[in-house]
Amino acid sequence: MTPDDLKARLAEVVGRGDFEVPPYPAVALKLQRIFARENYGIGEISDTITADPALTARILGLANTALYRAADEITTVPRAVNRLGARVVSSLALAVGLGGTTMQPSVLFEVKYRVWRRSVTAALACQKLGPLRKLDASEAFLVGLIHGFGRSVAVAALEHLLTQARPTSPLMVMQWLAIAEGERQTLALSVAERWHLPSEIVAALRPEAASTPMGVLIAEAERIALELESSHHPVASTASEAHAVDELVQSLPAALEALAAVPLPAPTRVHSVVAPAEHTLVGVRHPCHLPLVDCRKKPATLAAITITSTGLEATSSLPMQEGAVVRLALGNEPLRVEAWFNVIVCVHTAASYRFEAELLSPPREVRERWQALVAHAGS
């Protein structure tokens, strides 16, 4: 099948209603029922969260990120709920639950991962910018999340179609995303209706809501998410939101890392329907023999190969998910740079993995230190 064939087949499936909407995540549903009562306590919320170890880890991780203005370390769920707020916790539980539901290993895992990242990024952008536009932050987060989740349902439907026929040749991730995008709005609205979400959420997802304040916010959040996915630094649409956008950009990588809900499978191109990424590092490549460290909790053993003005090429003992954000440290003092990177390419080699990663919207001081490293490597 060609991309046009897949697009037409997907439209037919959606038109018939022959697609699966996953059930509302169990823990999020329990929390929603608790919040629906007039009287509930922090202890009841905390007990519900701690019953799910994976959710507990994500909530504690998020509570300790700059996105929620972490000042001192939070180590208990009750304190995390106090810091984040009950409604924020409920929204984050939904985001984690959707990630676990939709990102199981499959033929379109790379696509599903990009969809998840873009959906969560847009939701967090809505949450950050909503109050500046006199919109409720929790409602904006939920609308932004479901708006993007329509793509996840579309990708799941595409995976079902692939059991019947495969594309003529592997498609790039962006091609798969473009096919899914055509049905995103219809499917997002179907999710909201089948889950019986509040009427204001459903209304915000309808086509006629595009020109409303919430619809304009979603469009802005999607733009920000897309630019960050490409390692660009998004510019705020108004001067009054510039500081908030900068704060979002700097705090987002740690939030995405905390929210990552599933172990990442090793990349494989054998009989794959997803073509290898074409995007590679920009700039002159200089051989690099500086020490490279993976700053994640479960680090891989890394070795730098080349460095450019925008990022680096390296080997890794573990796979690096394309589209993921990782924190790496390169070099020795006084030129050592620790920063967030977008993984743009990862391929399996005979004994390890080779990956390329771009600096993710680095602040000015990081850019300056990185250029010093590049100059040192090129001298």
Protein backbone atom coordinates (compact mmCIF):
# COMPACT_ATOMS: atom_id res chain seq x y z
CA MET A 1 0.00 0.00 0.00
CA THR A 2 1.08 3.57 -0.70
CA PRO A 3 0.74 6.36 1.90
CA ASP A 4 -2.41 7.54 0.08
CA ASP A 5 -3.83 4.00 0.27
CA LEU A 6 -3.15 3.87 4.01
CA LYS A 7 -4.74 7.28 4.51
CA ALA A 8 -7.85 6.21 2.61
CA ARG A 9 -8.10 2.89 4.47
CA LEU A 10 -7.73 4.65 7.82
CA ALA A 11 -10.49 7.11 6.88
CA GLU A 12 -12.76 4.18 6.03
CA VAL A 13 -12.05 2.52 9.39
CA VAL A 14 -12.80 5.73 11.29
CA GLY A 15 -15.91 6.38 9.21
CA ARG A 16 -17.27 2.94 10.16
CA GLY A 17 -16.35 3.43 13.80
CA ASP A 18 -14.25 0.30 13.55
CA PHE A 19 -11.50 1.43 15.93
CA GLU A 20 -10.69 0.73 19.55
CA VAL A 21 -10.71 3.37 22.27
CA PRO A 22 -8.76 2.06 25.28
CA PRO A 23 -10.51 2.09 28.65
CA TYR A 24 -9.98 5.07 30.93
CA PRO A 25 -6.81 4.25 32.95
CA ALA A 26 -7.81 2.49 36.18
CA VAL A 27 -5.91 4.63 38.70
CA ALA A 28 -6.97 7.86 36.99
CA LEU A 29 -10.58 6.65 37.14
CA LYS A 30 -10.28 5.89 40.87
CA LEU A 31 -8.85 9.37 41.48
CA GLN A 32 -11.61 10.95 39.40
CA ARG A 33 -14.24 9.22 41.54
CA ILE A 34 -12.54 10.40 44.72
CA PHE A 35 -12.45 14.01 43.49
CA ALA A 36 -16.12 13.81 42.52
CA ARG A 37 -17.04 13.59 46.20
CA GLU A 38 -17.35 16.70 48.33
CA ASN A 39 -15.11 15.39 51.10
CA TYR A 40 -11.87 13.58 50.43
CA GLY A 41 -8.48 13.62 52.08
CA ILE A 42 -4.86 13.69 50.97
CA GLY A 43 -4.39 10.27 52.58
CA GLU A 44 -7.02 8.67 50.33
CA ILE A 45 -5.41 10.18 47.23
CA SER A 46 -1.94 9.12 48.37
CA ASP A 47 -3.06 5.55 49.08
CA THR A 48 -4.55 5.28 45.59
CA ILE A 49 -1.32 6.48 43.98
CA THR A 50 1.04 4.37 46.09
CA ALA A 51 -0.92 1.25 45.14
CA ASP A 52 0.65 1.71 41.68
CA PRO A 53 4.48 1.72 42.03
CA ALA A 54 5.05 3.00 38.48
CA LEU A 55 2.70 5.95 38.99
CA THR A 56 4.28 6.67 42.39
CA ALA A 57 7.71 6.97 40.76
CA ARG A 58 6.38 9.32 38.07
CA ILE A 59 4.51 11.57 40.50
CA LEU A 60 7.53 11.86 42.81
CA GLY A 61 9.79 12.50 39.82
CA LEU A 62 7.56 15.28 38.50
CA ALA A 63 7.16 16.88 41.91
CA ASN A 64 10.94 17.30 41.98
CA THR A 65 11.25 19.02 38.59
CA ALA A 66 11.58 22.72 37.92
CA LEU A 67 8.29 22.58 36.00
CA TYR A 68 6.53 22.55 39.36
CA ARG A 69 9.05 24.89 40.98
CA ALA A 70 10.74 22.24 43.11
CA ALA A 71 12.77 23.91 45.85
CA ASP A 72 13.53 21.01 48.17
CA GLU A 73 13.39 17.29 47.46
CA ILE A 74 10.02 15.59 47.84
CA THR A 75 10.27 11.95 48.92
CA THR A 76 6.69 11.07 49.96
CA VAL A 77 3.47 10.95 47.95
CA PRO A 78 1.42 13.10 50.40
CA ARG A 79 3.97 15.93 50.06
CA ALA A 80 3.97 15.48 46.29
CA VAL A 81 0.17 15.78 46.21
CA ASN A 82 0.38 18.90 48.38
CA ARG A 83 2.95 20.44 46.05
CA LEU A 84 1.26 19.54 42.77
CA GLY A 85 -2.36 19.85 43.82
CA ALA A 86 -5.07 17.18 43.57
CA ARG A 87 -6.30 18.18 40.10
CA VAL A 88 -2.77 18.21 38.66
CA VAL A 89 -2.13 14.76 40.15
CA SER A 90 -5.31 13.47 38.52
CA SER A 91 -4.25 14.84 35.12
CA LEU A 92 -0.75 13.40 35.43
CA ALA A 93 -2.16 10.00 36.43
CA LEU A 94 -4.17 10.05 33.21
CA ALA A 95 -1.08 10.98 31.17
CA VAL A 96 0.95 8.15 32.73
CA GLY A 97 -1.87 5.68 32.24
CA LEU A 98 -2.27 6.58 28.57
CA GLY A 99 1.47 6.21 28.06
CA GLY A 100 1.45 2.72 29.52
CA THR A 101 -1.60 1.76 27.47
CA THR A 102 -0.42 2.99 24.09
CA MET A 103 3.35 2.46 24.11
CA GLN A 104 3.68 -1.28 24.14
CA PRO A 105 6.38 -2.68 21.78
CA SER A 106 4.97 -3.04 18.27
CA VAL A 107 5.76 -2.40 14.60
CA LEU A 108 4.93 1.31 14.96
CA PHE A 109 6.57 1.86 18.34
CA GLU A 110 8.75 4.72 17.05
CA VAL A 111 5.61 6.49 15.83
CA LYS A 112 3.71 5.86 19.06
CA TYR A 113 6.61 7.25 21.08
CA ARG A 114 6.66 10.48 19.04
CA VAL A 115 2.88 10.78 19.41
CA TRP A 116 3.12 10.31 23.19
CA ARG A 117 5.92 12.85 23.55
CA ARG A 118 4.13 15.46 21.42
CA SER A 119 0.84 14.94 23.28
CA VAL A 120 2.43 15.32 26.73
CA THR A 121 4.51 18.31 25.63
CA ALA A 122 1.45 20.06 24.23
CA ALA A 123 -0.54 19.27 27.39
CA LEU A 124 2.19 20.71 29.62
CA ALA A 125 2.41 23.79 27.39
CA CYS A 126 -1.37 24.26 27.72
CA GLN A 127 -1.05 23.91 31.49
CA LYS A 128 1.76 26.48 31.61
CA LEU A 129 0.22 29.08 29.30
CA GLY A 130 -3.46 28.57 30.14
CA PRO A 131 -3.56 30.76 33.28
CA LEU A 132 -1.86 33.61 31.37
CA ARG A 133 -4.85 33.49 29.01
CA LYS A 134 -7.35 33.28 31.89
CA LEU A 135 -7.99 29.58 31.27
CA ASP A 136 -8.02 26.87 33.94
CA ALA A 137 -4.64 25.08 33.96
CA SER A 138 -5.99 21.59 34.71
CA GLU A 139 -8.73 21.84 32.09
CA ALA A 140 -6.20 23.12 29.53
CA PHE A 141 -3.87 20.19 30.29
CA LEU A 142 -6.66 17.65 29.81
CA VAL A 143 -7.86 19.19 26.54
CA GLY A 144 -4.30 19.34 25.20
CA LEU A 145 -3.67 15.71 26.20
CA ILE A 146 -6.85 14.30 24.62
CA HIS A 147 -6.33 16.46 21.52
CA GLY A 148 -3.02 14.65 20.94
CA PHE A 149 -4.29 11.26 22.09
CA GLY A 150 -6.45 11.12 18.99
CA ARG A 151 -3.22 10.38 17.09
CA SER A 152 -2.49 7.42 19.39
CA VAL A 153 -5.87 5.89 18.55
CA ALA A 154 -5.18 6.51 14.85
CA VAL A 155 -1.77 4.79 15.06
CA ALA A 156 -3.34 1.79 16.82
CA ALA A 157 -5.85 1.55 13.96
CA LEU A 158 -2.98 1.73 11.45
CA GLU A 159 -1.22 -1.13 13.24
CA HIS A 160 -4.36 -3.21 12.81
CA LEU A 161 -4.43 -2.38 9.10
CA LEU A 162 -0.81 -3.54 8.83
CA THR A 163 -1.89 -7.05 9.82
CA GLN A 164 -3.76 -7.14 6.50
CA ALA A 165 -1.28 -5.40 4.18
CA ARG A 166 2.01 -3.53 4.52
CA PRO A 167 3.22 -0.39 2.77
CA THR A 168 5.09 -0.77 -0.49
CA SER A 169 8.22 0.50 1.25
CA PRO A 170 9.01 1.65 4.82
CA LEU A 171 7.70 5.12 5.66
CA MET A 172 9.43 7.83 7.68
CA VAL A 173 8.05 8.60 11.14
CA MET A 174 6.79 11.97 9.89
CA GLN A 175 4.90 10.23 7.05
CA TRP A 176 3.14 7.95 9.54
CA LEU A 177 2.32 10.98 11.71
CA ALA A 178 0.86 12.80 8.70
CA ILE A 179 -1.42 9.84 7.94
CA ALA A 180 -2.58 9.67 11.56
CA GLU A 181 -3.13 13.45 11.72
CA GLY A 182 -5.93 13.29 9.17
CA GLU A 183 -8.16 11.45 11.65
CA ARG A 184 -6.82 12.92 14.88
CA GLN A 185 -9.64 15.36 15.52
CA THR A 186 -12.44 12.85 14.92
CA LEU A 187 -10.75 10.28 17.15
CA ALA A 188 -9.92 12.74 19.94
CA LEU A 189 -13.58 13.75 20.07
CA SER A 190 -14.62 10.08 20.10
CA VAL A 191 -12.29 9.43 23.06
CA ALA A 192 -13.76 12.34 25.03
CA GLU A 193 -17.32 11.24 24.31
CA ARG A 194 -16.78 7.53 25.06
CA TRP A 195 -15.02 8.41 28.32
CA HIS A 196 -17.91 10.73 29.24
CA LEU A 197 -15.56 13.61 29.94
CA PRO A 198 -17.08 16.92 31.10
CA SER A 199 -19.08 18.77 28.45
CA GLU A 200 -16.63 21.68 28.37
CA ILE A 201 -13.80 19.28 27.46
CA VAL A 202 -15.84 17.69 24.68
CA ALA A 203 -16.86 21.11 23.35
CA ALA A 204 -13.23 22.29 23.25
CA LEU A 205 -12.33 19.36 20.96
CA ARG A 206 -15.00 20.05 18.34
CA PRO A 207 -13.90 21.58 14.99
CA GLU A 208 -15.85 24.79 15.63
CA ALA A 209 -13.82 25.39 18.81
CA ALA A 210 -10.61 26.14 16.85
CA SER A 211 -11.16 29.91 17.09
CA THR A 212 -12.04 29.91 20.81
CA PRO A 213 -9.44 30.86 23.44
CA MET A 214 -8.92 27.16 24.27
CA GLY A 215 -8.63 26.22 20.59
CA VAL A 216 -6.06 28.96 19.98
CA LEU A 217 -4.10 27.79 23.04
CA ILE A 218 -4.03 24.20 21.75
CA ALA A 219 -2.72 25.37 18.37
CA GLU A 220 0.03 27.35 20.13
CA ALA A 221 0.93 24.37 22.33
CA GLU A 222 1.13 22.07 19.29
CA ARG A 223 3.46 24.54 17.58
CA ILE A 224 5.73 24.63 20.63
CA ALA A 225 5.74 20.81 20.86
CA LEU A 226 6.62 20.41 17.18
CA GLU A 227 9.49 22.90 17.38
CA LEU A 228 10.93 21.24 20.48
CA GLU A 229 10.70 17.86 18.76
CA SER A 230 12.95 19.37 16.07
CA SER A 231 15.38 20.73 18.71
CA HIS A 232 14.38 24.33 17.92
CA HIS A 233 13.77 26.94 20.59
CA PRO A 234 10.15 28.09 20.23
CA VAL A 235 9.50 31.82 20.34
CA ALA A 236 6.46 32.94 22.32
CA SER A 237 3.61 34.42 20.28
CA THR A 238 3.37 37.38 22.67
CA ALA A 239 5.93 39.19 24.81
CA SER A 240 3.83 38.55 27.92
CA GLU A 241 4.30 34.79 27.49
CA ALA A 242 8.03 34.83 26.66
CA HIS A 243 9.18 34.09 30.21
CA ALA A 244 6.67 31.26 30.63
CA VAL A 245 7.76 29.65 27.34
CA ASP A 246 11.42 29.88 28.37
CA GLU A 247 10.59 28.25 31.73
CA LEU A 248 8.69 25.49 29.94
CA VAL A 249 11.57 24.81 27.54
CA GLN A 250 14.13 24.55 30.33
CA SER A 251 11.99 22.37 32.61
CA LEU A 252 10.34 20.15 29.99
CA PRO A 253 13.13 17.56 29.44
CA ALA A 254 13.20 16.54 33.11
CA ALA A 255 9.39 16.34 33.12
CA LEU A 256 9.36 14.12 30.01
CA GLU A 257 12.00 11.88 31.57
CA ALA A 258 9.95 11.59 34.77
CA LEU A 259 6.79 10.77 32.82
CA ALA A 260 8.34 8.14 30.53
CA ALA A 261 6.18 5.17 31.39
CA VAL A 262 7.58 2.14 29.57
CA PRO A 263 10.96 0.48 28.98
CA LEU A 264 12.18 1.25 25.48
CA PRO A 265 12.70 -1.69 23.12
CA ALA A 266 15.88 -2.06 21.12
CA PRO A 267 15.56 -0.41 17.70
CA THR A 268 15.35 -2.82 14.80
CA ARG A 269 15.07 -2.30 11.07
CA VAL A 270 14.53 -5.92 10.08
CA HIS A 271 11.24 -6.07 8.13
CA SER A 272 10.40 -2.70 9.65
CA VAL A 273 7.60 -0.51 8.29
CA VAL A 274 9.34 2.56 9.74
CA ALA A 275 12.25 3.87 7.68
CA PRO A 276 15.48 4.96 9.40
CA ALA A 277 15.60 8.62 10.34
CA GLU A 278 17.07 10.88 7.68
CA HIS A 279 17.72 13.77 10.04
CA THR A 280 21.41 13.94 10.93
CA LEU A 281 23.63 16.44 12.70
CA VAL A 282 24.21 19.84 11.14
CA GLY A 283 27.71 21.27 10.88
CA VAL A 284 31.26 20.06 10.44
CA ARG A 285 32.01 16.81 12.30
CA HIS A 286 35.18 16.84 14.41
CA PRO A 287 36.61 13.63 15.91
CA CYS A 288 35.93 13.66 19.65
CA HIS A 289 37.70 11.58 22.29
CA LEU A 290 36.35 13.37 25.37
CA PRO A 291 34.64 11.34 28.11
CA LEU A 292 30.88 11.07 27.63
CA VAL A 293 28.56 10.20 30.54
CA ASP A 294 24.91 9.12 30.54
CA CYS A 295 23.26 11.02 33.42
CA ARG A 296 20.13 8.86 33.60
CA LYS A 297 19.31 6.68 36.63
CA LYS A 298 20.07 3.56 34.60
CA PRO A 299 23.01 4.77 32.55
CA ALA A 300 24.48 3.25 29.44
CA THR A 301 28.22 3.07 28.75
CA LEU A 302 28.94 5.74 26.14
CA ALA A 303 31.86 6.74 23.94
CA ALA A 304 31.91 9.93 21.87
CA ILE A 305 32.81 9.65 18.17
CA THR A 306 32.30 13.11 16.66
CA ILE A 307 31.06 16.52 17.77
CA THR A 308 29.42 19.34 15.78
CA SER A 309 28.11 22.79 16.60
CA THR A 310 24.65 21.30 17.24
CA GLY A 311 25.31 17.95 18.91
CA LEU A 312 27.31 14.74 18.94
CA GLU A 313 27.65 11.22 17.58
CA ALA A 314 28.47 8.37 19.98
CA THR A 315 28.20 4.67 20.74
CA SER A 316 26.06 3.26 23.53
CA SER A 317 25.84 -0.10 25.28
CA LEU A 318 22.05 0.37 25.44
CA PRO A 319 19.53 1.52 22.82
CA MET A 320 18.59 5.19 22.67
CA GLN A 321 14.98 5.73 21.61
CA GLU A 322 14.73 8.06 18.63
CA GLY A 323 12.70 11.08 19.68
CA ALA A 324 13.59 10.67 23.37
CA VAL A 325 15.33 13.32 25.48
CA VAL A 326 18.45 12.31 27.42
CA ARG A 327 20.81 14.15 29.72
CA LEU A 328 24.48 13.71 28.82
CA ALA A 329 27.74 15.18 30.06
CA LEU A 330 30.72 15.64 27.73
CA GLY A 331 34.29 16.64 28.53
CA ASN A 332 36.44 17.38 31.55
CA GLU A 333 36.51 20.46 33.76
CA PRO A 334 36.68 23.33 33.08
CA LEU A 335 35.06 22.64 29.67
CA ARG A 336 32.65 19.92 30.83
CA VAL A 337 29.11 20.43 29.52
CA GLU A 338 26.04 18.71 30.96
CA ALA A 339 22.88 19.27 28.93
CA TRP A 340 19.67 17.79 27.50
CA PHE A 341 19.72 16.27 24.02
CA ASN A 342 17.19 15.07 21.46
CA VAL A 343 18.06 11.61 20.12
CA ILE A 344 17.64 11.90 16.34
CA VAL A 345 19.20 8.64 15.10
CA CYS A 346 19.95 5.27 16.74
CA VAL A 347 21.09 2.19 14.81
CA HIS A 348 22.23 -1.21 15.98
CA THR A 349 25.84 -2.11 15.21
CA ALA A 350 27.70 -5.38 15.66
CA ALA A 351 28.47 -4.90 19.35
CA SER A 352 26.55 -1.79 20.47
CA TYR A 353 24.38 1.09 19.23
CA ARG A 354 25.41 4.20 17.35
CA PHE A 355 23.34 7.30 17.98
CA GLU A 356 23.27 10.99 17.13
CA ALA A 357 21.82 13.60 19.47
CA GLU A 358 21.16 17.32 19.13
CA LEU A 359 21.30 19.88 21.91
CA LEU A 360 17.72 20.55 23.02
CA SER A 361 17.12 24.31 23.12
CA PRO A 362 20.19 24.98 25.30
CA PRO A 363 20.42 28.21 27.33
CA ARG A 364 23.04 30.74 26.29
CA GLU A 365 25.72 29.64 28.77
CA VAL A 366 25.42 26.02 27.61
CA ARG A 367 25.67 27.07 23.95
CA GLU A 368 28.83 29.04 24.72
CA ARG A 369 30.46 26.16 26.61
CA TRP A 370 29.49 23.74 23.85
CA GLN A 371 31.11 25.93 21.20
CA ALA A 372 34.27 25.94 23.32
CA LEU A 373 34.22 22.13 23.23
CA VAL A 374 33.77 22.17 19.45
CA ALA A 375 36.68 24.60 19.05
CA HIS A 376 38.83 22.40 21.28
CA ALA A 377 37.98 19.29 19.23
CA GLY A 378 38.65 21.08 15.98
CA SER A 379 42.02 22.51 17.00
